[in-house]
Amino acid sequence: MTGSELLLAASIDAMVGDPRWLPHPVRGMGCAITWCDELVRRKCRSPGALRTASLSLAVGLPLFVYLLGHWVIDIAGSMSGWFGSVVAIGLASTTLAGRDLWDHVQAVNEQLEQGHLPGARQAVGMIVGRDTERLSEDEIVRATVETVAESTADGMIAPLFYLVIGGAPLALAYKAINTLDSMIGHQDERHFDFGWASARLDDVANWIPSRLSAILLVIATGVVTRNAARVISGWRVLYRDGGKHPSPNSGRPEAAMAGSLGVQLGGTNYYDGVPHERPIMGTGGRQLVPRDIGVASRIMVVTCFLGVILAVGILWLV
């Protein structure tokens, strides 16, 4: 993939995002994962069998997606060089989720600005996995800000990273890994054995992108706030709290965002009515307010912009 192709792919994502009326590779991956999950439940009973199936799916689906992406682009390129480039750009744009994240976050913000908590709970439920039915205003804000930080990493910076080193096929394979983790990579009873390989592979795939995202988030904070104290706080909290999260990756961008906003993230989340404690990241004890979503959103936009410029620049130089 060339720098110009990547720039066009990012521009398409920024302009149109993820129209629900268009077929999307990630939705296809989700259907395949759901089908495999149901099939494995019928065929595999023992923990060993489930773990074998887990490893097969965690390796097999990304490999299949990678090869399929390569094949589609090669077939298009054999018809015409420009057609192959168009297909590669189109597929690359589907791996980026910046516009979709922005739209979902703004939907939450609009409901909060109108003082409509039920609507805000419903809107935030579209982007988080935790229970949202009883969230207070500050808990809705926390959930949204945490998602902005984490999704900036796996929705934009990670796909950009894989687009640079392997083009659209490798970025699609990453999306398969990330989708597997989000759907079955949980530590609950149902997915403890079947999802373990997907969760571990996602940890590996996001190790570099999550840390790169955290760095870019802090840099973006300086651009957005023009406040050196916020930037210093972002670096300090990233260094101090980034490793506290149970995930080896999620805590990095969340800690960077917490320090940059001067708030505390983490605490108690409920999943299917069961409380799960997350480590507190950040400094200060002020209550999160809706305007924090707006600041976090602007930081996210600048972070994505910096990521695109960095990726395109690398491709133009090599």
Protein backbone atom coordinates (compact mmCIF):
# COMPACT_ATOMS: atom_id res chain seq x y z
CA MET A 1 0.00 0.00 0.00
CA THR A 2 1.30 3.44 -0.93
CA GLY A 3 1.07 6.55 1.19
CA SER A 4 -1.40 8.11 -1.23
CA GLU A 5 -3.64 5.03 -1.07
CA LEU A 6 -3.61 5.08 2.72
CA LEU A 7 -4.40 8.79 2.76
CA LEU A 8 -7.39 8.20 0.48
CA ALA A 9 -8.57 5.30 2.66
CA ALA A 10 -8.40 7.48 5.78
CA SER A 11 -10.24 10.28 3.97
CA ILE A 12 -13.03 7.90 2.96
CA ASP A 13 -13.42 6.76 6.56
CA ALA A 14 -13.47 10.38 7.78
CA MET A 15 -16.14 11.35 5.26
CA VAL A 16 -18.55 8.40 5.21
CA GLY A 17 -17.57 6.15 8.13
CA ASP A 18 -19.50 2.88 8.22
CA PRO A 19 -22.85 3.19 6.41
CA ARG A 20 -25.08 0.42 7.73
CA TRP A 21 -26.59 -0.18 4.30
CA LEU A 22 -23.21 -1.20 2.87
CA PRO A 23 -21.74 -4.68 3.40
CA HIS A 24 -18.82 -4.52 5.83
CA PRO A 25 -16.05 -7.10 6.36
CA VAL A 26 -16.20 -6.82 10.15
CA ARG A 27 -19.91 -7.64 10.20
CA GLY A 28 -19.15 -10.66 8.06
CA MET A 29 -16.44 -11.68 10.52
CA GLY A 30 -18.91 -11.29 13.35
CA CYS A 31 -21.41 -13.60 11.65
CA ALA A 32 -18.69 -16.19 11.07
CA ILE A 33 -17.58 -16.03 14.72
CA THR A 34 -21.16 -16.42 15.94
CA TRP A 35 -21.65 -19.46 13.68
CA CYS A 36 -18.39 -21.02 14.90
CA ASP A 37 -19.31 -20.35 18.53
CA GLU A 38 -22.63 -22.14 18.15
CA LEU A 39 -21.05 -25.03 16.24
CA VAL A 40 -18.30 -25.51 18.83
CA ARG A 41 -20.86 -25.53 21.65
CA ARG A 42 -22.60 -28.46 20.00
CA LYS A 43 -19.45 -30.44 19.19
CA CYS A 44 -16.95 -29.70 21.99
CA ARG A 45 -17.57 -30.50 25.64
CA SER A 46 -14.24 -30.78 27.44
CA PRO A 47 -11.95 -27.84 28.27
CA GLY A 48 -9.24 -29.40 26.12
CA ALA A 49 -11.48 -29.63 23.08
CA LEU A 50 -12.66 -26.06 23.59
CA ARG A 51 -9.08 -24.80 23.83
CA THR A 52 -8.12 -26.66 20.67
CA ALA A 53 -11.09 -25.12 18.88
CA SER A 54 -10.11 -21.72 20.32
CA LEU A 55 -6.61 -21.96 18.88
CA SER A 56 -7.90 -23.16 15.52
CA LEU A 57 -10.34 -20.25 15.23
CA ALA A 58 -7.90 -17.63 16.54
CA VAL A 59 -5.33 -18.60 13.91
CA GLY A 60 -7.65 -19.77 11.14
CA LEU A 61 -9.99 -16.79 10.80
CA PRO A 62 -7.30 -14.07 10.57
CA LEU A 63 -5.30 -16.24 8.16
CA PHE A 64 -8.36 -16.84 5.99
CA VAL A 65 -9.24 -13.13 6.00
CA TYR A 66 -5.65 -12.20 5.11
CA LEU A 67 -5.52 -14.64 2.18
CA LEU A 68 -8.99 -13.64 0.98
CA GLY A 69 -8.07 -9.95 1.07
CA HIS A 70 -4.89 -10.66 -0.89
CA TRP A 71 -6.80 -12.73 -3.43
CA VAL A 72 -9.49 -10.10 -3.98
CA ILE A 73 -6.92 -7.33 -4.48
CA ASP A 74 -4.82 -9.51 -6.81
CA ILE A 75 -7.86 -10.44 -8.90
CA ALA A 76 -8.86 -6.78 -9.17
CA GLY A 77 -5.27 -5.82 -10.05
CA SER A 78 -5.11 -8.44 -12.77
CA MET A 79 -8.07 -6.75 -14.45
CA SER A 80 -6.53 -3.30 -14.17
CA GLY A 81 -3.84 -1.71 -12.05
CA TRP A 82 -6.05 1.19 -11.06
CA PHE A 83 -8.93 -1.16 -10.19
CA GLY A 84 -6.68 -3.14 -7.86
CA SER A 85 -5.69 0.12 -6.18
CA VAL A 86 -9.33 1.16 -5.80
CA VAL A 87 -10.22 -2.18 -4.20
CA ALA A 88 -7.23 -1.97 -1.84
CA ILE A 89 -8.24 1.56 -0.81
CA GLY A 90 -11.84 0.49 -0.25
CA LEU A 91 -10.86 -2.50 1.87
CA ALA A 92 -8.37 -0.41 3.83
CA SER A 93 -11.04 2.18 4.64
CA THR A 94 -13.22 -0.54 6.20
CA THR A 95 -10.48 -1.30 8.75
CA LEU A 96 -10.57 2.26 10.08
CA ALA A 97 -13.27 3.30 12.55
CA GLY A 98 -12.54 6.93 13.38
CA ARG A 99 -15.73 8.42 11.94
CA ASP A 100 -17.90 5.68 13.41
CA LEU A 101 -16.39 6.25 16.86
CA TRP A 102 -16.91 10.02 16.54
CA ASP A 103 -20.57 9.59 15.55
CA HIS A 104 -21.32 7.23 18.45
CA VAL A 105 -19.59 9.47 20.98
CA GLN A 106 -21.42 12.56 19.75
CA ALA A 107 -24.72 10.70 20.09
CA VAL A 108 -23.95 10.16 23.78
CA ASN A 109 -22.90 13.79 24.20
CA GLU A 110 -26.05 15.12 22.56
CA GLN A 111 -28.27 13.12 24.90
CA LEU A 112 -26.36 14.37 27.94
CA GLU A 113 -26.56 17.98 26.76
CA GLN A 114 -30.34 17.57 26.55
CA GLY A 115 -30.40 16.10 30.06
CA HIS A 116 -31.87 12.87 28.71
CA LEU A 117 -30.18 10.14 30.77
CA PRO A 118 -32.18 7.19 29.36
CA GLY A 119 -31.16 8.21 25.85
CA ALA A 120 -27.54 8.66 26.93
CA ARG A 121 -27.54 5.20 28.54
CA GLN A 122 -28.90 3.70 25.35
CA ALA A 123 -26.34 5.56 23.22
CA VAL A 124 -23.36 4.58 25.38
CA GLY A 125 -24.62 0.99 25.36
CA MET A 126 -23.80 0.95 21.64
CA ILE A 127 -20.07 1.36 22.31
CA VAL A 128 -19.42 -0.39 25.64
CA GLY A 129 -19.90 -3.94 26.86
CA ARG A 130 -20.80 -3.10 30.46
CA ASP A 131 -24.33 -2.81 31.84
CA THR A 132 -25.65 0.68 31.18
CA GLU A 133 -29.27 0.62 32.43
CA ARG A 134 -28.51 2.30 35.77
CA LEU A 135 -25.48 4.45 34.98
CA SER A 136 -25.42 7.93 36.48
CA GLU A 137 -24.32 10.94 34.42
CA ASP A 138 -20.70 10.83 35.58
CA GLU A 139 -20.59 7.05 35.01
CA ILE A 140 -21.86 7.55 31.45
CA VAL A 141 -19.13 10.13 30.91
CA ARG A 142 -16.49 7.78 32.35
CA ALA A 143 -17.63 4.90 30.14
CA THR A 144 -17.54 7.15 27.08
CA VAL A 145 -14.11 8.63 27.81
CA GLU A 146 -12.63 5.19 28.52
CA THR A 147 -14.05 3.92 25.23
CA VAL A 148 -12.70 6.92 23.32
CA ALA A 149 -9.22 6.17 24.63
CA GLU A 150 -9.31 2.42 24.00
CA SER A 151 -11.11 2.62 20.65
CA THR A 152 -8.70 5.25 19.36
CA ALA A 153 -6.06 2.58 19.79
CA ASP A 154 -7.79 -0.45 18.30
CA GLY A 155 -10.11 1.42 15.93
CA MET A 156 -7.57 3.72 14.28
CA ILE A 157 -3.93 3.52 15.35
CA ALA A 158 -3.67 -0.29 15.25
CA PRO A 159 -5.23 -0.60 11.77
CA LEU A 160 -2.95 2.21 10.54
CA PHE A 161 0.03 0.32 11.98
CA TYR A 162 -0.92 -2.85 10.10
CA LEU A 163 -1.78 -0.97 6.91
CA VAL A 164 1.77 0.39 6.91
CA ILE A 165 3.51 -2.94 7.42
CA GLY A 166 1.18 -5.22 5.43
CA GLY A 167 -1.44 -3.27 3.53
CA ALA A 168 -5.17 -3.94 3.54
CA PRO A 169 -4.90 -7.76 3.90
CA LEU A 170 -2.89 -7.53 7.13
CA ALA A 171 -5.15 -4.78 8.51
CA LEU A 172 -8.17 -6.97 7.78
CA ALA A 173 -6.47 -9.86 9.59
CA TYR A 174 -5.96 -7.55 12.57
CA LYS A 175 -9.66 -6.65 12.52
CA ALA A 176 -10.45 -10.37 12.61
CA ILE A 177 -8.23 -10.75 15.69
CA ASN A 178 -9.81 -7.73 17.35
CA THR A 179 -13.35 -8.87 16.54
CA LEU A 180 -12.62 -12.33 17.93
CA ASP A 181 -11.39 -10.78 21.17
CA SER A 182 -14.40 -8.47 21.51
CA MET A 183 -16.87 -11.31 20.90
CA ILE A 184 -15.37 -14.34 22.65
CA GLY A 185 -12.19 -13.17 24.37
CA HIS A 186 -13.89 -12.78 27.76
CA GLN A 187 -13.02 -14.36 31.08
CA ASP A 188 -16.60 -15.44 31.74
CA GLU A 189 -17.63 -19.07 32.17
CA ARG A 190 -18.88 -19.47 28.60
CA HIS A 191 -15.72 -18.18 26.91
CA PHE A 192 -13.00 -19.00 29.45
CA ASP A 193 -11.68 -21.93 27.38
CA PHE A 194 -13.04 -21.15 23.94
CA GLY A 195 -11.88 -17.53 23.94
CA TRP A 196 -8.45 -17.80 25.56
CA ALA A 197 -6.43 -18.00 22.31
CA SER A 198 -8.30 -15.05 20.78
CA ALA A 199 -7.64 -12.94 23.89
CA ARG A 200 -3.93 -13.80 23.95
CA LEU A 201 -3.48 -13.15 20.22
CA ASP A 202 -5.21 -9.78 20.59
CA ASP A 203 -2.80 -8.91 23.42
CA VAL A 204 0.13 -9.59 21.10
CA ALA A 205 -1.39 -7.75 18.12
CA ASN A 206 -2.12 -4.62 20.16
CA TRP A 207 1.12 -4.45 22.17
CA ILE A 208 2.87 -1.89 19.96
CA PRO A 209 -0.23 0.01 18.71
CA SER A 210 -1.59 0.57 22.24
CA ARG A 211 1.67 2.15 23.40
CA LEU A 212 1.96 4.22 20.25
CA SER A 213 -1.62 5.38 20.76
CA ALA A 214 -0.89 6.44 24.33
CA ILE A 215 2.07 8.53 23.18
CA LEU A 216 0.05 10.17 20.41
CA LEU A 217 -2.84 10.86 22.82
CA VAL A 218 -0.54 12.82 25.12
CA ILE A 219 0.96 14.73 22.19
CA ALA A 220 -2.53 15.48 20.90
CA THR A 221 -3.46 16.82 24.33
CA GLY A 222 -0.88 19.57 23.89
CA VAL A 223 -2.37 20.50 20.51
CA VAL A 224 -5.95 20.54 21.83
CA THR A 225 -5.50 22.14 25.26
CA ARG A 226 -2.28 24.13 24.70
CA ASN A 227 -1.66 23.41 28.36
CA ALA A 228 1.79 22.14 29.29
CA ALA A 229 0.54 21.00 32.70
CA ARG A 230 -1.98 18.67 31.03
CA VAL A 231 0.73 17.18 28.82
CA ILE A 232 3.03 16.63 31.79
CA SER A 233 0.16 15.04 33.71
CA GLY A 234 -0.57 12.77 30.75
CA TRP A 235 3.03 11.52 30.63
CA ARG A 236 3.17 11.07 34.39
CA VAL A 237 -0.06 9.09 34.68
CA LEU A 238 0.80 7.02 31.60
CA TYR A 239 4.12 6.03 33.19
CA ARG A 240 2.63 5.44 36.65
CA ASP A 241 -0.74 3.83 35.90
CA GLY A 242 -0.47 2.40 32.38
CA GLY A 243 0.43 -1.06 33.65
CA LYS A 244 -2.26 -1.30 36.33
CA HIS A 245 -5.03 -2.53 34.02
CA PRO A 246 -5.68 -6.30 33.84
CA SER A 247 -5.13 -6.02 30.08
CA PRO A 248 -1.49 -5.46 29.08
CA ASN A 249 -2.68 -2.91 26.51
CA SER A 250 -5.98 -1.22 27.42
CA GLY A 251 -4.52 0.62 30.39
CA ARG A 252 -1.98 2.55 28.32
CA PRO A 253 -4.33 4.80 26.32
CA GLU A 254 -6.79 5.02 29.23
CA ALA A 255 -4.04 6.19 31.60
CA ALA A 256 -2.84 8.72 29.03
CA MET A 257 -6.38 10.07 28.64
CA ALA A 258 -6.98 10.19 32.39
CA GLY A 259 -3.81 12.19 32.99
CA SER A 260 -4.46 14.47 30.03
CA LEU A 261 -7.96 15.34 31.25
CA GLY A 262 -6.94 15.55 34.90
CA VAL A 263 -9.57 13.00 35.96
CA GLN A 264 -9.75 9.50 37.36
CA LEU A 265 -10.87 6.60 35.20
CA GLY A 266 -11.56 3.03 36.27
CA GLY A 267 -13.63 1.75 39.18
CA THR A 268 -16.58 -0.61 39.33
CA ASN A 269 -18.23 -1.83 36.12
CA TYR A 270 -21.12 -4.28 35.97
CA TYR A 271 -21.32 -7.02 33.35
CA ASP A 272 -24.54 -9.05 33.33
CA GLY A 273 -25.19 -7.79 36.85
CA VAL A 274 -21.80 -8.93 38.18
CA PRO A 275 -19.47 -6.22 39.52
CA HIS A 276 -15.92 -6.08 38.15
CA GLU A 277 -13.33 -3.81 39.72
CA ARG A 278 -10.92 -1.90 37.50
CA PRO A 279 -7.87 -0.10 38.89
CA ILE A 280 -8.14 3.64 39.33
CA MET A 281 -6.02 5.56 36.85
CA GLY A 282 -5.38 9.28 36.97
CA THR A 283 -5.08 12.06 39.49
CA GLY A 284 -7.51 14.40 41.15
CA GLY A 285 -10.91 13.62 42.49
CA ARG A 286 -13.16 15.92 40.49
CA GLN A 287 -16.34 14.48 39.09
CA LEU A 288 -16.44 13.76 35.40
CA VAL A 289 -18.75 16.12 33.50
CA PRO A 290 -20.17 16.01 29.95
CA ARG A 291 -17.67 18.57 28.65
CA ASP A 292 -14.94 15.98 29.27
CA ILE A 293 -16.44 13.99 26.40
CA GLY A 294 -15.98 16.95 24.09
CA VAL A 295 -12.33 17.42 25.09
CA ALA A 296 -11.64 13.67 24.81
CA SER A 297 -13.28 13.64 21.36
CA ARG A 298 -11.06 16.48 20.13
CA ILE A 299 -7.99 14.72 21.51
CA MET A 300 -9.12 11.59 19.68
CA VAL A 301 -9.48 13.46 16.38
CA VAL A 302 -6.02 15.01 16.65
CA THR A 303 -4.55 11.64 17.65
CA CYS A 304 -6.07 10.01 14.57
CA PHE A 305 -4.79 12.86 12.40
CA LEU A 306 -1.28 12.47 13.80
CA GLY A 307 -1.49 8.72 13.26
CA VAL A 308 -2.50 9.16 9.61
CA ILE A 309 0.27 11.72 8.99
CA LEU A 310 2.84 9.41 10.60
CA ALA A 311 1.65 6.38 8.62
CA VAL A 312 1.51 8.22 5.30
CA GLY A 313 4.89 9.80 5.95
CA ILE A 314 6.50 6.42 6.61
CA LEU A 315 5.05 4.96 3.41
CA TRP A 316 6.20 7.95 1.37
CA LEU A 317 9.73 7.67 2.76
CA VAL A 318 10.25 3.92 2.33
